[in-house]
């Protein structure tokens, strides 16, 4: 009788991490379809999908595989589920802007977490998503967003 198991190294992830979950199939002459589910929602169905990148998941829940084999009669097996905790993280520093010397402009950052801008010396606040900046010359600002142990970074140029 065909059987399957799935395994992963890490189950606490930041969204965008690469964490391949590997399926091992035994007792099947030919595998027809790999069906990957997260919280009972079908994510992927493929004849070549014996791995799934859990870093594409969002939130917390159970990842499971149901595979179907045998062209004449369908045999399905539901494997053990793996619980994943995936922290959402993103940073968007906004579009680059052109400005004149001496102008003050507002940064248009966004993200899922706590912001931190660098360099901070020409900003009204380094810890807000939308501080005002008065750069003395062309300056590239870096927005780092932190959510728990996860971080994401994006850049914005104020160009002369």
Protein backbone atom coordinates (compact mmCIF):
# COMPACT_ATOMS: atom_id res chain seq x y z
CA UNK A 1 0.00 0.00 0.00
CA UNK A 2 1.46 3.41 -0.95
CA UNK A 3 2.39 5.75 1.89
CA UNK A 4 3.93 9.20 2.20
CA UNK A 5 5.75 11.31 4.74
CA UNK A 6 6.78 14.97 4.66
CA UNK A 7 9.64 16.65 6.47
CA UNK A 8 11.02 20.14 7.04
CA UNK A 9 14.02 21.47 8.94
CA UNK A 10 12.46 24.70 10.29
CA UNK A 11 8.80 25.34 11.07
CA UNK A 12 9.07 28.90 12.41
CA UNK A 13 9.75 31.14 9.42
CA UNK A 14 9.75 34.66 8.10
CA UNK A 15 7.65 35.08 4.98
CA UNK A 16 9.98 34.84 2.00
CA UNK A 17 12.42 32.44 3.68
CA UNK A 18 13.22 29.38 1.63
CA UNK A 19 12.21 26.24 3.53
CA UNK A 20 11.68 23.22 1.34
CA UNK A 21 9.27 20.60 2.62
CA UNK A 22 10.15 17.26 1.09
CA UNK A 23 7.74 14.41 0.40
CA UNK A 24 8.92 10.82 0.47
CA UNK A 25 6.64 8.31 -1.25
CA UNK A 26 6.96 4.57 -0.68
CA UNK A 27 5.13 1.61 -2.15
CA UNK A 28 3.94 3.43 -5.26
CA UNK A 29 4.95 2.34 -8.74
CA UNK A 30 4.02 5.67 -10.26
CA UNK A 31 2.87 8.88 -8.59
CA UNK A 32 0.18 10.74 -10.47
CA UNK A 33 -0.37 13.90 -8.45
CA UNK A 34 1.02 15.78 -5.44
CA UNK A 35 -1.64 18.00 -3.79
CA UNK A 36 -0.27 20.43 -1.16
CA UNK A 37 -2.76 21.98 1.30
CA UNK A 38 -2.36 24.71 3.94
CA UNK A 39 -5.19 24.88 6.48
CA UNK A 40 -7.26 22.67 4.14
CA UNK A 41 -6.88 25.03 1.16
CA UNK A 42 -5.27 23.59 -1.97
CA UNK A 43 -2.05 25.49 -2.77
CA UNK A 44 -0.49 23.40 -5.48
CA UNK A 45 -1.26 20.35 -7.58
CA UNK A 46 1.47 18.86 -9.74
CA UNK A 47 2.85 15.60 -11.07
CA UNK A 48 6.40 16.74 -10.21
CA UNK A 49 5.77 18.52 -6.90
CA UNK A 50 7.52 16.37 -4.33
CA UNK A 51 8.83 19.56 -2.62
CA UNK A 52 7.02 22.68 -1.48
CA UNK A 53 8.56 25.99 -0.33
CA UNK A 54 6.92 26.77 3.04
CA UNK A 55 8.33 30.33 2.92
CA UNK A 56 5.51 31.17 0.52
CA UNK A 57 2.94 30.46 3.25
CA UNK A 58 1.28 33.20 5.26
CA UNK A 59 0.25 32.96 8.90
CA UNK A 60 0.06 29.87 11.04
CA UNK A 61 -1.39 26.50 10.23
CA UNK A 62 -0.90 22.99 8.99
CA UNK A 63 0.73 22.01 5.70
CA UNK A 64 -0.18 18.58 4.40
CA UNK A 65 0.26 16.51 1.27
CA UNK A 66 -2.37 14.30 -0.32
CA UNK A 67 -0.98 12.27 -3.17
CA UNK A 68 -2.80 10.16 -5.74
CA UNK A 69 -1.25 7.23 -7.51
CA UNK A 70 -2.12 4.47 -10.00
CA UNK A 71 -3.72 5.30 -13.31
CA UNK A 72 -6.34 2.53 -13.17
CA UNK A 73 -7.71 3.13 -9.69
CA UNK A 74 -6.93 6.14 -7.52
CA UNK A 75 -5.19 5.50 -4.22
CA UNK A 76 -4.92 8.57 -2.00
CA UNK A 77 -2.86 8.99 1.13
CA UNK A 78 -2.97 11.86 3.56
CA UNK A 79 0.36 12.35 5.27
CA UNK A 80 1.04 13.73 8.69
CA UNK A 81 0.65 17.49 8.78
CA UNK A 82 3.42 19.89 9.78
CA UNK A 83 2.52 23.02 11.76
CA UNK A 84 4.15 26.20 10.42
CA UNK A 85 4.31 29.66 11.98
CA UNK A 86 5.15 32.11 9.20
CA UNK A 87 5.60 35.77 10.18
CA UNK A 88 4.55 38.28 7.53
CA UNK A 89 7.26 40.80 6.73
CA UNK A 90 7.67 43.41 4.03
CA UNK A 91 9.20 46.84 3.56
CA UNK A 92 8.36 49.41 0.91
CA UNK A 93 10.32 52.67 0.98
CA UNK A 94 8.18 54.17 -1.79
CA UNK A 95 9.26 55.43 -5.20
CA UNK A 96 12.49 57.32 -5.85
CA UNK A 97 11.97 61.08 -6.18
CA UNK A 98 13.71 63.98 -7.83
CA UNK A 99 13.92 67.19 -5.84
CA UNK A 100 15.60 70.57 -5.74
CA UNK A 101 18.27 71.60 -3.27
CA UNK A 102 16.77 72.68 0.06
CA UNK A 103 13.41 70.96 -0.49
CA UNK A 104 11.76 69.07 2.31
CA UNK A 105 9.89 65.95 1.22
CA UNK A 106 7.92 63.27 3.01
CA UNK A 107 9.05 59.65 2.80
CA UNK A 108 6.27 57.24 1.87
CA UNK A 109 7.25 54.04 3.63
CA UNK A 110 5.04 51.12 4.52
CA UNK A 111 5.42 47.61 5.84
CA UNK A 112 4.32 44.98 8.30
CA UNK A 113 6.25 45.74 11.46
CA UNK A 114 8.31 48.46 13.12
CA UNK A 115 10.15 50.88 10.79
CA UNK A 116 13.69 52.20 11.07
CA UNK A 117 15.20 54.62 8.49
CA UNK A 118 18.91 55.23 7.87
CA UNK A 119 20.62 57.59 7.56
CA UNK A 120 18.47 59.32 10.14
CA UNK A 121 20.28 62.65 10.64
CA UNK A 122 18.15 64.52 8.06
CA UNK A 123 14.82 62.97 9.08
CA UNK A 124 12.16 64.28 11.46
CA UNK A 125 11.86 60.73 12.83
CA UNK A 126 13.69 57.52 12.01
CA UNK A 127 10.96 55.35 13.57
CA UNK A 128 7.91 56.48 11.57
CA UNK A 129 6.90 55.19 8.16
CA UNK A 130 6.34 58.71 6.79
CA UNK A 131 8.89 61.16 8.26
CA UNK A 132 9.99 64.34 6.51
CA UNK A 133 13.47 64.46 4.99
CA UNK A 134 15.75 67.38 4.16
CA UNK A 135 18.71 65.73 2.43
CA UNK A 136 21.67 68.05 1.69
CA UNK A 137 22.43 66.23 -1.57
CA UNK A 138 21.40 63.07 -3.40
CA UNK A 139 20.68 60.61 -0.60
CA UNK A 140 19.57 56.99 -0.55
CA UNK A 141 17.48 56.12 2.51
CA UNK A 142 17.14 52.56 3.74
CA UNK A 143 13.90 51.42 5.37
CA UNK A 144 14.25 48.36 7.58
CA UNK A 145 11.06 46.86 8.97
CA UNK A 146 11.24 44.46 11.90
CA UNK A 147 8.49 42.05 12.97
CA UNK A 148 9.69 39.78 15.78
CA UNK A 149 12.87 38.13 14.50
CA UNK A 150 12.04 38.93 10.86
CA UNK A 151 13.40 41.90 8.92
CA UNK A 152 12.91 43.31 5.43
CA UNK A 153 14.71 46.26 3.79
CA UNK A 154 13.96 48.56 0.87
CA UNK A 155 15.66 51.71 -0.46
CA UNK A 156 14.54 55.13 -1.68
CA UNK A 157 16.63 57.72 -3.49
CA UNK A 158 16.06 61.45 -3.26
CA UNK A 159 17.98 62.54 -6.28
CA UNK A 160 19.02 66.03 -7.36
